[in-house]
Amino acid sequence: MFPTPRDAATVILLRDAAERGLEVFLLRRRKSVAFMGGAFVFPGGAADAGETDPRRTAARELFEEAGVLLAERAPAEVAPLRARVLAGEAATAVLAEHGLDFAPEQLHYFAHWITPSAEPKRFSAKFFVAVMPPGQEPRFDDQETVDQAWVTPAEALARVAELALPPPQIRTFMELADARTIDDVLAITRRRAEAPHAIMPRLAPTGAGFALLLPWDPEYATAGQGDAHPMPLDHPLAIGPSRFVMEDRAWRHVYAPGSTPAAS
């Protein structure tokens, strides 16, 4: 029996860096944490009890992990509020004392990833896009996260090994590679929200180890192992490389053997 995935949410936080163009925020997880230790990831985490809107989970996790408050209005200094939350107080209660609340409408659906069933810790994570609020600066929490970086999609894809990027992050940066502005990304979110579909990779043995097959991989149903969530091959998300393989301790997003970019 495979572990049941926990509901979770993740934030793809964007800013326009003028001459550098579109940048995305990453946090580095402490090496000792059980899930994705040492990797640079998007801020996010599991839903708290009673959280039924994944956008609220995403906003809370962004506040806790990165110190960025998505709210209708925000105080000039949010660090003291965040410090209380990191010390154990409930985020909604701390904000309510100041007449504040999270603004879920500032989060825009981008993707839904479900951890492969072979993993001991599994999450059903909705990925949302948000824009960095003016006047705020993100800061890692120095608990679960120990470093941070702003990167363009092109930089992220060139630094996959250095950043120890996990497959969902790599795929996301690939899907953002042609976006030049925040408006470009928001247009992408509107299209993707019209046809959402969970992506649950499956493990498949290979001669050199194993591959993570995405639902449009030609061997997803036949060679993949564990829980499956098939995707119609004509689905708008079913494009591009269809699997991940580990090479030199870094994930590579590749086509299935015998497949070519022209044929996919």
Protein backbone atom coordinates (compact mmCIF):
# COMPACT_ATOMS: atom_id res chain seq x y z
CA MET A 1 0.00 0.00 0.00
CA PHE A 2 1.47 3.31 -1.07
CA PRO A 3 1.48 6.39 1.22
CA THR A 4 -1.42 8.76 0.59
CA PRO A 5 -0.21 12.13 -0.74
CA ARG A 6 -0.75 15.12 1.55
CA ASP A 7 -2.32 18.24 0.12
CA ALA A 8 0.31 20.93 -0.45
CA ALA A 9 0.91 24.13 -2.38
CA THR A 10 3.88 25.87 -3.96
CA VAL A 11 4.52 29.44 -5.15
CA ILE A 12 6.37 30.40 -8.31
CA LEU A 13 7.29 33.93 -7.20
CA LEU A 14 8.14 36.33 -10.04
CA ARG A 15 9.71 39.74 -10.42
CA ASP A 16 10.76 41.89 -13.35
CA ALA A 17 14.47 42.62 -12.94
CA ALA A 18 14.73 45.27 -15.66
CA GLU A 19 17.83 44.45 -17.74
CA ARG A 20 17.82 40.81 -16.59
CA GLY A 21 14.16 40.33 -17.42
CA LEU A 22 11.88 37.83 -15.73
CA GLU A 23 13.28 36.25 -12.55
CA VAL A 24 11.95 33.47 -10.31
CA PHE A 25 12.66 33.07 -6.60
CA LEU A 26 14.19 29.90 -5.15
CA LEU A 27 14.94 28.75 -1.61
CA ARG A 28 17.55 26.16 -0.71
CA ARG A 29 16.28 23.51 1.67
CA ARG A 30 18.51 22.47 4.55
CA LYS A 31 20.37 19.26 3.71
CA SER A 32 19.07 17.52 6.82
CA VAL A 33 15.35 17.90 5.98
CA ALA A 34 13.61 14.73 4.89
CA PHE A 35 12.14 15.98 1.60
CA MET A 36 14.38 17.43 -1.15
CA GLY A 37 17.19 18.20 1.29
CA GLY A 38 19.86 20.48 -0.20
CA ALA A 39 17.80 21.37 -3.29
CA PHE A 40 16.77 24.82 -4.45
CA VAL A 41 12.97 24.81 -4.72
CA PHE A 42 10.00 27.13 -4.94
CA PRO A 43 8.57 28.15 -1.54
CA GLY A 44 5.81 25.82 -0.42
CA GLY A 45 4.69 23.03 1.87
CA ALA A 46 1.86 20.93 3.22
CA ALA A 47 -1.60 22.24 4.06
CA ASP A 48 -2.43 22.91 7.69
CA ALA A 49 -5.48 21.38 9.30
CA GLY A 50 -8.59 23.20 8.11
CA GLU A 51 -6.97 24.71 5.00
CA THR A 52 -9.29 23.86 2.13
CA ASP A 53 -8.13 26.47 -0.38
CA PRO A 54 -4.66 25.56 -1.71
CA ARG A 55 -4.06 29.20 -2.55
CA ARG A 56 -4.25 30.04 1.15
CA THR A 57 -1.79 27.25 1.86
CA ALA A 58 0.50 28.71 -0.79
CA ALA A 59 0.24 32.24 0.64
CA ARG A 60 0.90 31.04 4.19
CA GLU A 61 3.91 28.96 3.15
CA LEU A 62 5.32 31.88 1.16
CA PHE A 63 5.00 34.09 4.24
CA GLU A 64 6.57 31.52 6.56
CA GLU A 65 9.38 30.34 4.29
CA ALA A 66 10.23 33.54 2.41
CA GLY A 67 8.75 36.36 4.51
CA VAL A 68 6.64 37.61 1.59
CA LEU A 69 3.10 38.64 2.50
CA LEU A 70 0.42 38.46 -0.18
CA ALA A 71 -2.37 40.63 1.25
CA GLU A 72 -4.71 43.39 0.14
CA ARG A 73 -2.51 45.75 2.09
CA ALA A 74 0.67 45.03 3.99
CA PRO A 75 2.42 46.93 6.80
CA ALA A 76 5.67 48.67 6.02
CA GLU A 77 7.51 46.01 8.01
CA VAL A 78 6.30 42.41 7.88
CA ALA A 79 9.36 40.81 9.54
CA PRO A 80 8.03 41.12 13.13
CA LEU A 81 4.81 39.37 12.15
CA ARG A 82 6.70 36.62 10.40
CA ALA A 83 8.99 36.16 13.42
CA ARG A 84 5.96 35.43 15.58
CA VAL A 85 4.74 32.85 13.05
CA LEU A 86 8.15 31.16 12.91
CA ALA A 87 8.08 31.03 16.71
CA GLY A 88 4.92 28.95 16.55
CA GLU A 89 1.93 31.30 16.40
CA ALA A 90 -0.78 30.71 13.79
CA ALA A 91 -0.25 32.94 10.77
CA THR A 92 -3.93 33.80 10.30
CA ALA A 93 -4.28 34.83 13.96
CA VAL A 94 -1.17 37.02 13.83
CA LEU A 95 -2.39 38.75 10.69
CA ALA A 96 -5.92 39.15 12.05
CA GLU A 97 -4.57 41.15 15.02
CA HIS A 98 -3.48 43.78 12.49
CA GLY A 99 -6.64 43.61 10.37
CA LEU A 100 -4.82 41.63 7.70
CA ASP A 101 -5.53 38.46 5.78
CA PHE A 102 -3.97 36.56 2.91
CA ALA A 103 -5.16 37.47 -0.60
CA PRO A 104 -5.61 34.17 -2.44
CA GLU A 105 -6.74 36.00 -5.58
CA GLN A 106 -3.10 37.07 -6.06
CA LEU A 107 -2.17 33.44 -6.77
CA HIS A 108 -2.73 31.99 -10.23
CA TYR A 109 -2.89 28.25 -10.96
CA PHE A 110 0.04 26.87 -12.94
CA ALA A 111 0.39 23.12 -12.33
CA HIS A 112 -0.41 20.15 -10.12
CA TRP A 113 2.30 17.63 -9.25
CA ILE A 114 1.85 14.42 -7.25
CA THR A 115 4.92 12.72 -5.75
CA PRO A 116 5.64 9.25 -7.19
CA SER A 117 4.27 6.41 -5.07
CA ALA A 118 7.77 5.02 -4.43
CA GLU A 119 8.58 8.01 -2.22
CA PRO A 120 8.00 7.59 1.55
CA LYS A 121 6.77 11.20 1.79
CA ARG A 122 4.21 12.14 -0.83
CA PHE A 123 2.48 15.41 -1.68
CA SER A 124 -0.32 16.44 -3.99
CA ALA A 125 0.96 19.95 -4.64
CA LYS A 126 -0.75 22.73 -6.56
CA PHE A 127 1.71 25.20 -8.08
CA PHE A 128 0.68 28.85 -8.24
CA VAL A 129 2.25 31.94 -9.80
CA ALA A 130 2.47 35.15 -7.75
CA VAL A 131 4.12 38.51 -8.34
CA MET A 132 6.59 39.89 -5.81
CA PRO A 133 4.79 42.67 -3.90
CA PRO A 134 6.43 46.11 -4.07
CA GLY A 135 8.32 47.24 -0.99
CA GLN A 136 8.99 43.72 0.31
CA GLU A 137 12.18 41.66 0.23
CA PRO A 138 12.19 37.87 0.57
CA ARG A 139 14.36 36.19 3.17
CA PHE A 140 14.88 32.48 3.83
CA ASP A 141 13.71 31.30 7.26
CA ASP A 142 17.06 29.80 8.40
CA GLN A 143 15.14 26.80 9.69
CA GLU A 144 14.04 24.56 6.83
CA THR A 145 15.66 26.87 4.27
CA VAL A 146 19.23 28.21 4.38
CA ASP A 147 19.83 30.15 1.16
CA GLN A 148 17.98 31.86 -1.66
CA ALA A 149 18.41 32.97 -5.25
CA TRP A 150 16.67 34.91 -8.00
CA VAL A 151 17.25 33.28 -11.38
CA THR A 152 15.96 33.69 -14.90
CA PRO A 153 14.49 30.52 -16.45
CA ALA A 154 17.49 30.27 -18.76
CA GLU A 155 19.93 30.55 -15.85
CA ALA A 156 18.05 27.92 -13.88
CA LEU A 157 18.18 25.45 -16.77
CA ALA A 158 21.91 26.11 -17.20
CA ARG A 159 22.53 25.55 -13.46
CA VAL A 160 20.42 22.45 -12.83
CA ALA A 161 23.27 20.52 -11.20
CA GLU A 162 24.60 23.46 -9.17
CA LEU A 163 21.12 24.25 -7.82
CA ALA A 164 20.20 20.57 -7.38
CA LEU A 165 16.86 21.31 -9.01
CA PRO A 166 14.17 18.61 -8.64
CA PRO A 167 12.12 17.53 -11.68
CA PRO A 168 9.04 19.76 -11.06
CA GLN A 169 11.27 22.84 -10.88
CA ILE A 170 13.14 21.87 -14.05
CA ARG A 171 9.91 21.27 -15.92
CA THR A 172 8.49 24.58 -14.72
CA PHE A 173 11.53 26.52 -15.86
CA MET A 174 11.32 24.79 -19.24
CA GLU A 175 7.67 25.83 -19.52
CA LEU A 176 8.61 29.42 -18.64
CA ALA A 177 11.60 29.56 -20.99
CA ASP A 178 9.85 31.60 -23.69
CA ALA A 179 8.18 34.06 -21.27
CA ARG A 180 9.77 37.50 -21.29
CA THR A 181 7.50 39.39 -18.91
CA ILE A 182 5.19 38.81 -15.98
CA ASP A 183 2.24 39.41 -18.31
CA ASP A 184 3.52 36.57 -20.52
CA VAL A 185 3.46 34.22 -17.53
CA LEU A 186 0.00 35.34 -16.43
CA ALA A 187 -1.25 34.59 -19.94
CA ILE A 188 0.23 31.10 -19.61
CA THR A 189 -1.57 30.59 -16.28
CA ARG A 190 -4.92 31.49 -17.86
CA ARG A 191 -4.43 28.90 -20.60
CA ARG A 192 -3.29 26.20 -18.18
CA ALA A 193 -6.20 26.84 -15.80
CA GLU A 194 -8.59 25.90 -18.61
CA ALA A 195 -7.20 22.34 -18.79
CA PRO A 196 -5.69 21.34 -15.43
CA HIS A 197 -4.32 17.84 -15.07
CA ALA A 198 -2.24 16.32 -12.31
CA ILE A 199 1.24 15.11 -13.22
CA MET A 200 2.20 11.97 -11.33
CA PRO A 201 5.57 10.55 -12.46
CA ARG A 202 6.09 6.78 -12.43
CA LEU A 203 9.41 5.01 -11.82
CA ALA A 204 10.72 2.74 -14.56
CA PRO A 205 13.87 0.59 -14.35
CA THR A 206 16.49 1.28 -17.00
CA GLY A 207 19.84 -0.28 -17.78
CA ALA A 208 21.58 2.55 -15.93
CA GLY A 209 19.20 2.81 -12.98
CA PHE A 210 15.71 4.27 -13.33
CA ALA A 211 13.76 6.99 -15.05
CA LEU A 212 10.83 9.12 -13.92
CA LEU A 213 8.17 8.84 -16.61
CA LEU A 214 5.68 11.67 -17.10
CA PRO A 215 2.10 10.78 -18.08
CA TRP A 216 2.66 11.33 -21.82
CA ASP A 217 5.76 9.13 -21.98
CA PRO A 218 5.20 6.23 -24.43
CA GLU A 219 6.17 3.74 -21.69
CA TYR A 220 4.22 5.37 -18.84
CA ALA A 221 1.56 2.64 -18.78
CA THR A 222 3.76 -0.34 -19.67
CA ALA A 223 7.12 0.21 -17.93
CA GLY A 224 6.12 2.60 -15.16
CA GLN A 225 5.61 1.25 -11.66
CA GLY A 226 3.34 2.36 -8.82
CA ASP A 227 0.35 4.66 -8.81
CA ALA A 228 -0.58 6.16 -12.17
CA HIS A 229 -2.53 9.17 -13.36
CA PRO A 230 -2.68 8.86 -17.15
CA MET A 231 -3.00 11.88 -19.41
CA PRO A 232 -4.51 11.93 -22.91
CA LEU A 233 -1.74 12.31 -25.43
CA ASP A 234 -3.56 15.24 -27.03
CA HIS A 235 -3.70 17.14 -23.74
CA PRO A 236 -2.07 20.61 -24.05
CA LEU A 237 0.40 19.77 -21.26
CA ALA A 238 1.57 16.58 -23.00
CA ILE A 239 4.37 18.18 -24.96
CA GLY A 240 8.15 18.16 -24.94
CA PRO A 241 10.49 15.77 -23.09
CA SER A 242 8.57 13.03 -21.29
CA ARG A 243 10.96 11.67 -18.67
CA PHE A 244 13.71 12.50 -16.20
CA VAL A 245 16.95 10.58 -15.74
CA MET A 246 19.73 11.13 -13.22
CA GLU A 247 23.18 11.75 -14.69
CA ASP A 248 26.20 12.93 -12.70
CA ARG A 249 23.93 13.53 -9.69
CA ALA A 250 21.70 15.92 -11.63
CA TRP A 251 18.29 15.41 -13.21
CA ARG A 252 18.04 15.68 -16.99
CA HIS A 253 14.72 16.22 -18.77
CA VAL A 254 14.85 14.05 -21.88
CA TYR A 255 12.78 12.38 -24.56
CA ALA A 256 12.05 8.66 -24.44
CA PRO A 257 14.43 6.49 -26.50
CA GLY A 258 13.21 6.45 -30.09
CA SER A 259 11.28 9.69 -29.64
CA THR A 260 12.39 12.95 -31.15
CA PRO A 261 11.30 16.55 -30.59
CA ALA A 262 9.65 16.52 -34.01
CA ALA A 263 7.70 13.35 -33.23
CA SER A 264 6.51 14.44 -29.77
